[in-house]
């Protein structure tokens, strides 16, 4: 987290520079000096307010996660609370928002995932993001099926989102948001159909 006193105008500037440098040279090559030059600030500012590259990566991911959360929430706000199916798709679409699938952001996500295993602060961010996604999905799925089944399907959708995201991020052509959402929707339809069949069999 940046120290108190960090000029608000500098944060997005430094976040944008961090993602741009990671996009160009990868996280290993993204030195504080390169990032500072890209942002047009001194390296001392980064070291003072963020404690170096790791702190800046944390702030960058906080910014990316805020955008992700906002993208999901905007879609939920315009989808009826009675439309559980539509709200599930809104959550999925938010995870493949255009802001989340451009090259700079996808490479930053990959850097974040690889470092989260070894950096407690980043790991906590990953856990918060994971829990938020599962919570959103469970709320809507429980309107369509029992809690235990909703938990199972929520885990499946979350795993598909991560898997599609990772494969797409590593592919030369990048992530296709429409194909991603269609793939998850197909899984959701199959799960709902299976649940309906099980329910009818018990009656």
Protein backbone atom coordinates (compact mmCIF):
# COMPACT_ATOMS: atom_id res chain seq x y z
CA UNK A 1 0.00 0.00 0.00
CA UNK A 2 1.28 3.50 -0.81
CA UNK A 3 2.21 5.69 2.12
CA UNK A 4 -0.09 8.52 3.17
CA UNK A 5 0.77 11.65 1.26
CA UNK A 6 1.20 10.03 -2.14
CA UNK A 7 -0.28 12.56 -4.60
CA UNK A 8 -3.48 11.03 -5.98
CA UNK A 9 -2.61 12.13 -9.50
CA UNK A 10 0.62 10.10 -9.36
CA UNK A 11 -1.03 6.78 -8.56
CA UNK A 12 -2.79 6.18 -11.91
CA UNK A 13 0.29 7.53 -13.66
CA UNK A 14 2.53 5.02 -11.93
CA UNK A 15 0.03 2.17 -12.33
CA UNK A 16 -0.20 2.83 -16.06
CA UNK A 17 3.60 2.96 -16.33
CA UNK A 18 3.97 -0.30 -14.40
CA UNK A 19 1.57 -2.15 -16.71
CA UNK A 20 3.20 -0.66 -19.80
CA UNK A 21 6.69 -1.75 -18.72
CA UNK A 22 5.50 -5.25 -17.74
CA UNK A 23 3.85 -5.48 -21.17
CA UNK A 24 7.11 -4.51 -22.85
CA UNK A 25 9.76 -6.40 -20.86
CA UNK A 26 7.97 -8.66 -18.38
CA UNK A 27 7.97 -8.41 -14.62
CA UNK A 28 11.57 -9.59 -14.21
CA UNK A 29 12.80 -6.80 -16.45
CA UNK A 30 10.42 -4.18 -15.06
CA UNK A 31 12.92 -2.33 -12.88
CA UNK A 32 12.04 0.67 -10.75
CA UNK A 33 14.24 2.82 -12.96
CA UNK A 34 12.39 1.74 -16.13
CA UNK A 35 9.00 2.32 -14.53
CA UNK A 36 10.02 5.69 -13.15
CA UNK A 37 11.26 6.82 -16.57
CA UNK A 38 8.04 5.64 -18.21
CA UNK A 39 6.01 7.55 -15.63
CA UNK A 40 8.22 10.62 -15.77
CA UNK A 41 9.00 10.58 -12.05
CA UNK A 42 12.08 9.86 -10.00
CA UNK A 43 12.85 6.34 -8.80
CA UNK A 44 13.01 7.78 -5.31
CA UNK A 45 9.29 8.51 -5.36
CA UNK A 46 8.50 4.86 -6.09
CA UNK A 47 10.85 3.61 -3.40
CA UNK A 48 9.58 6.14 -0.87
CA UNK A 49 5.86 5.64 -1.34
CA UNK A 50 5.72 2.00 -2.43
CA UNK A 51 8.87 0.46 -0.99
CA UNK A 52 10.04 -0.68 -4.42
CA UNK A 53 8.70 -2.81 -7.25
CA UNK A 54 6.71 -5.28 -5.12
CA UNK A 55 4.75 -2.50 -3.48
CA UNK A 56 4.06 -0.92 -6.83
CA UNK A 57 2.85 -4.24 -8.25
CA UNK A 58 0.48 -4.53 -5.27
CA UNK A 59 -0.92 -1.05 -5.91
CA UNK A 60 -1.22 -1.84 -9.62
CA UNK A 61 -3.20 -5.00 -8.90
CA UNK A 62 -5.42 -3.15 -6.45
CA UNK A 63 -6.25 -0.78 -9.29
CA UNK A 64 -6.93 -3.67 -11.70
CA UNK A 65 -9.14 -5.41 -9.12
CA UNK A 66 -11.10 -2.22 -8.49
CA UNK A 67 -11.79 -1.97 -12.22
CA UNK A 68 -12.82 -5.63 -12.28
CA UNK A 69 -15.18 -5.17 -9.34
CA UNK A 70 -16.66 -2.02 -10.86
CA UNK A 71 -17.18 -3.76 -14.20
CA UNK A 72 -19.10 -6.59 -12.53
CA UNK A 73 -21.13 -4.24 -10.34
CA UNK A 74 -22.16 -2.01 -13.25
CA UNK A 75 -23.53 -5.05 -15.07
CA UNK A 76 -25.34 -6.31 -11.96
CA UNK A 77 -26.89 -2.89 -11.38
CA UNK A 78 -28.61 -2.99 -14.77
CA UNK A 79 -29.79 -6.60 -14.45
CA UNK A 80 -32.97 -7.40 -12.55
CA UNK A 81 -32.51 -9.08 -9.19
CA UNK A 82 -35.17 -11.55 -10.30
CA UNK A 83 -33.08 -12.62 -13.29
CA UNK A 84 -30.60 -14.97 -11.62
CA UNK A 85 -29.47 -16.47 -14.92
CA UNK A 86 -28.82 -13.02 -16.40
CA UNK A 87 -26.96 -11.91 -13.30
CA UNK A 88 -24.66 -14.94 -13.45
CA UNK A 89 -23.82 -14.05 -17.04
CA UNK A 90 -23.30 -10.42 -15.97
CA UNK A 91 -20.70 -11.61 -13.45
CA UNK A 92 -18.96 -13.69 -16.10
CA UNK A 93 -19.05 -10.84 -18.62
CA UNK A 94 -17.54 -8.50 -16.03
CA UNK A 95 -14.57 -10.83 -15.69
CA UNK A 96 -13.99 -10.60 -19.43
CA UNK A 97 -14.61 -6.86 -19.69
CA UNK A 98 -12.53 -5.14 -22.42
CA UNK A 99 -10.57 -3.36 -19.68
CA UNK A 100 -9.54 -6.75 -18.30
CA UNK A 101 -8.46 -8.49 -21.51
CA UNK A 102 -6.06 -6.05 -23.15
CA UNK A 103 -2.41 -7.07 -23.39
CA UNK A 104 -1.11 -4.80 -20.64
CA UNK A 105 -3.65 -5.99 -18.10
CA UNK A 106 -3.39 -9.69 -18.98
CA UNK A 107 0.40 -9.64 -18.61
CA UNK A 108 0.04 -7.82 -15.30
CA UNK A 109 -2.41 -10.51 -14.16
CA UNK A 110 0.07 -13.24 -15.09
CA UNK A 111 2.81 -11.45 -13.16
CA UNK A 112 0.46 -11.09 -10.21
CA UNK A 113 -0.53 -14.76 -10.18
CA UNK A 114 3.08 -15.94 -10.32
CA UNK A 115 4.13 -13.63 -7.47
CA UNK A 116 1.04 -14.19 -5.32
CA UNK A 117 2.34 -17.63 -4.33
CA UNK A 118 5.37 -16.04 -2.66
CA UNK A 119 4.20 -12.57 -1.58
CA UNK A 120 1.70 -12.56 1.35
CA UNK A 121 0.22 -9.17 0.40
CA UNK A 122 -0.45 -10.31 -3.16
CA UNK A 123 -1.77 -13.67 -1.96
CA UNK A 124 -4.30 -11.84 0.24
CA UNK A 125 -5.46 -9.82 -2.77
CA UNK A 126 -5.90 -13.01 -4.77
CA UNK A 127 -7.93 -14.60 -1.98
CA UNK A 128 -10.17 -11.54 -1.66
CA UNK A 129 -10.79 -11.55 -5.40
CA UNK A 130 -11.52 -15.29 -5.41
CA UNK A 131 -13.94 -15.04 -2.49
CA UNK A 132 -15.75 -12.09 -4.07
CA UNK A 133 -16.28 -13.99 -7.32
CA UNK A 134 -17.54 -17.11 -5.57
CA UNK A 135 -19.82 -15.05 -3.32
CA UNK A 136 -21.41 -13.27 -6.29
CA UNK A 137 -21.96 -16.57 -8.09
CA UNK A 138 -23.37 -18.42 -5.07
CA UNK A 139 -25.90 -15.68 -4.34
CA UNK A 140 -27.41 -16.03 -7.80
CA UNK A 141 -27.03 -19.80 -8.18
CA UNK A 142 -28.84 -20.40 -4.87
CA UNK A 143 -31.91 -18.84 -6.51
CA UNK A 144 -31.84 -21.68 -9.04
CA UNK A 145 -30.68 -24.71 -7.03
CA UNK A 146 -29.94 -25.95 -3.49
CA UNK A 147 -26.96 -24.48 -1.62
CA UNK A 148 -24.68 -27.50 -1.94
CA UNK A 149 -25.26 -27.69 -5.69
CA UNK A 150 -24.85 -23.91 -6.00
CA UNK A 151 -21.47 -24.15 -4.26
CA UNK A 152 -20.37 -26.89 -6.64
CA UNK A 153 -21.44 -25.01 -9.78
CA UNK A 154 -19.93 -21.73 -8.51
CA UNK A 155 -16.57 -23.47 -8.11
CA UNK A 156 -16.90 -24.87 -11.62
CA UNK A 157 -17.69 -21.49 -13.17
CA UNK A 158 -14.83 -19.83 -11.27
CA UNK A 159 -12.42 -22.53 -12.44
CA UNK A 160 -13.59 -22.07 -16.03
CA UNK A 161 -13.12 -18.32 -15.84
CA UNK A 162 -9.57 -18.74 -14.53
CA UNK A 163 -8.75 -21.48 -17.04
CA UNK A 164 -10.10 -19.62 -20.06
CA UNK A 165 -8.40 -16.46 -18.84
CA UNK A 166 -5.03 -18.17 -18.45
CA UNK A 167 -5.17 -19.97 -21.81
CA UNK A 168 -6.25 -16.79 -23.56
CA UNK A 169 -3.61 -14.67 -21.85
CA UNK A 170 -0.91 -17.04 -23.08
CA UNK A 171 -2.30 -17.32 -26.63
CA UNK A 172 -0.91 -15.03 -29.36
CA UNK A 173 -4.41 -13.91 -30.30
CA UNK A 174 -5.31 -13.08 -26.71
CA UNK A 175 -8.66 -13.55 -25.00
CA UNK A 176 -11.90 -13.60 -26.98
CA UNK A 177 -14.50 -12.25 -24.48
CA UNK A 178 -17.51 -13.42 -26.49
CA UNK A 179 -16.21 -16.96 -26.88
CA UNK A 180 -15.26 -17.03 -23.20
CA UNK A 181 -18.72 -16.02 -22.02
CA UNK A 182 -20.37 -18.45 -24.47
CA UNK A 183 -18.25 -21.32 -23.13
CA UNK A 184 -19.16 -20.60 -19.52
CA UNK A 185 -22.81 -20.14 -20.45
CA UNK A 186 -22.81 -23.56 -22.12
CA UNK A 187 -21.49 -25.09 -18.87
CA UNK A 188 -24.15 -23.23 -16.87
CA UNK A 189 -26.93 -24.51 -19.16
CA UNK A 190 -25.67 -28.08 -18.81
CA UNK A 191 -25.58 -27.78 -15.02
CA UNK A 192 -29.09 -26.35 -14.88
CA UNK A 193 -30.36 -29.08 -17.22
CA UNK A 194 -28.71 -31.78 -15.11
CA UNK A 195 -30.20 -30.33 -11.93
CA UNK A 196 -33.66 -30.23 -13.51
CA UNK A 197 -33.31 -33.88 -14.56
CA UNK A 198 -32.27 -34.90 -11.05
CA UNK A 199 -35.17 -32.95 -9.54
CA UNK A 200 -37.70 -34.57 -11.88
CA UNK A 201 -36.29 -38.00 -11.08
CA UNK A 202 -36.95 -37.47 -7.39
CA UNK A 203 -40.58 -36.50 -7.98
